[in-house]
C-alpha atoms as a PDB file:
ATOM      1  CA  MET A   1      -4.103  12.074  21.968  1.00  0.00           C
ATOM      2  CA  ASP A   2      -1.355   9.581  22.679  1.00  0.00           C
ATOM      3  CA  TRP A   3      -3.888   6.809  21.979  1.00  0.00           C
ATOM      4  CA  LEU A   4      -3.872   7.847  18.263  1.00  0.00           C
ATOM      5  CA  ILE A   5      -0.134   7.510  17.619  1.00  0.00           C
ATOM      6  CA  ILE A   6       0.329   3.689  18.112  1.00  0.00           C
ATOM      7  CA  PRO A   7      -2.755   2.720  15.967  1.00  0.00           C
ATOM      8  CA  GLY A   8      -1.775   5.191  13.276  1.00  0.00           C
ATOM      9  CA  ALA A   9       1.768   3.609  13.088  1.00  0.00           C
ATOM     10  CA  ILE A  10       0.243   0.149  12.858  1.00  0.00           C
ATOM     11  CA  VAL A  11      -2.217   1.211  10.109  1.00  0.00           C
ATOM     12  CA  SER A  12       0.665   2.942   8.181  1.00  0.00           C
ATOM     13  CA  ALA A  13       2.862  -0.172   8.611  1.00  0.00           C
ATOM     14  CA  ILE A  14       0.020  -2.360   7.166  1.00  0.00           C
ATOM     15  CA  GLY A  15      -0.135   0.082   4.168  1.00  0.00           C
ATOM     16  CA  LEU A  16       3.633  -0.255   3.775  1.00  0.00           C
ATOM     17  CA  VAL A  17       3.460  -4.012   3.661  1.00  0.00           C
ATOM     18  CA  GLY A  18       0.756  -3.695   1.018  1.00  0.00           C
ATOM     19  CA  LEU A  19       2.817  -1.391  -1.058  1.00  0.00           C
ATOM     20  CA  VAL A  20       5.798  -3.856  -0.938  1.00  0.00           C
ATOM     21  CA  ALA A  21       3.391  -6.731  -1.844  1.00  0.00           C
ATOM     22  CA  SER A  22       2.122  -4.896  -4.870  1.00  0.00           C
ATOM     23  CA  ALA A  23       5.749  -4.120  -5.976  1.00  0.00           C
ATOM     24  CA  VAL A  24       6.564  -7.856  -5.700  1.00  0.00           C
ATOM     25  CA  ASN A  25       3.510  -8.728  -7.700  1.00  0.00           C
ATOM     26  CA  VAL A  26       4.570  -6.381 -10.464  1.00  0.00           C
ATOM     27  CA  VAL A  27       8.083  -7.787 -10.644  1.00  0.00           C
ATOM     28  CA  GLN A  28       6.633 -11.307 -10.744  1.00  0.00           C
ATOM     29  CA  ALA A  29       4.275 -10.369 -13.531  1.00  0.00           C
ATOM     30  CA  LYS A  30       7.041  -8.855 -15.665  1.00  0.00           C
ATOM     31  CA  LYS A  31       9.137 -11.958 -15.167  1.00  0.00           C
ATOM     32  CA  GLN A  32       6.370 -14.160 -16.420  1.00  0.00           C
ATOM     33  CA  GLY A  33       6.926 -12.749 -19.948  1.00  0.00           C
ATOM     34  CA  LEU A  34       3.204 -12.287 -20.603  1.00  0.00           C
ATOM     35  CA  GLU A  35       1.917 -10.536 -23.710  1.00  0.00           C
ATOM     36  CA  GLU A  36       0.934  -6.924 -23.479  1.00  0.00           C
ATOM     37  CA  ASP A  37      -2.705  -7.408 -22.956  1.00  0.00           C
ATOM     38  CA  ALA A  38      -2.304 -10.082 -20.310  1.00  0.00           C
ATOM     39  CA  LEU A  39       0.337  -8.017 -18.538  1.00  0.00           C
ATOM     40  CA  ARG A  40      -1.891  -4.928 -18.617  1.00  0.00           C
ATOM     41  CA  ALA A  41      -4.702  -7.062 -17.048  1.00  0.00           C
ATOM     42  CA  GLN A  42      -2.402  -8.288 -14.317  1.00  0.00           C
ATOM     43  CA  LEU A  43      -1.100  -4.787 -13.433  1.00  0.00           C
ATOM     44  CA  GLN A  44      -4.716  -3.510 -13.298  1.00  0.00           C
ATOM     45  CA  LYS A  45      -5.435  -6.027 -10.631  1.00  0.00           C
ATOM     46  CA  VAL A  46      -2.336  -5.039  -8.806  1.00  0.00           C
ATOM     47  CA  MET A  47      -3.247  -1.329  -9.065  1.00  0.00           C
ATOM     48  CA  VAL A  48      -6.226  -1.951  -6.745  1.00  0.00           C
ATOM     49  CA  LEU A  49      -3.867  -3.336  -4.121  1.00  0.00           C
ATOM     50  CA  ASN A  50      -1.509  -0.527  -4.600  1.00  0.00           C
ATOM     51  CA  MET A  51      -4.095   2.211  -4.314  1.00  0.00           C
ATOM     52  CA  GLY A  52      -5.650   0.540  -1.147  1.00  0.00           C
ATOM     53  CA  ALA A  53      -2.216   0.234   0.438  1.00  0.00           C
ATOM     54  CA  LEU A  54      -1.385   3.846  -0.255  1.00  0.00           C
ATOM     55  CA  PHE A  55      -4.595   4.895   1.177  1.00  0.00           C
ATOM     56  CA  LEU A  56      -3.956   2.985   4.311  1.00  0.00           C
ATOM     57  CA  SER A  57      -0.407   4.348   4.602  1.00  0.00           C
ATOM     58  CA  VAL A  58      -1.619   7.961   4.172  1.00  0.00           C
ATOM     59  CA  ILE A  59      -4.460   7.599   6.691  1.00  0.00           C
ATOM     60  CA  GLY A  60      -2.048   6.069   9.291  1.00  0.00           C
ATOM     61  CA  LEU A  61       0.482   8.841   8.735  1.00  0.00           C
ATOM     62  CA  MET A  62      -2.256  11.389   9.187  1.00  0.00           C
ATOM     63  CA  MET A  63      -3.343   9.665  12.398  1.00  0.00           C
ATOM     64  CA  VAL A  64       0.166   9.869  13.745  1.00  0.00           C
ATOM     65  CA  VAL A  65       0.549  13.495  12.832  1.00  0.00           C
ATOM     66  CA  VAL A  66      -2.767  14.439  14.391  1.00  0.00           C
ATOM     67  CA  GLY A  67      -1.828  12.500  17.551  1.00  0.00           C
ATOM     68  CA  VAL A  68       1.551  14.235  17.827  1.00  0.00           C
ATOM     69  CA  LEU A  69       0.099  17.713  17.142  1.00  0.00           C
ATOM     70  CA  MET A  70      -2.664  17.428  19.674  1.00  0.00           C
END
């Protein structure tokens, strides 16, 4: 199952990049000084990226763990 470790690490790294990108987007949105409703709408858009990146990261880590255990 060694073939599962490297792709899992790559998928996990892509998820990590997405998490960093969502954090950067949140910081930029807060620096813009938007009103509460506009800020909330912006953060809801970033939430989609955040959840997708978290999903990728978890799936990648599970692939690595399965590859190591088998």
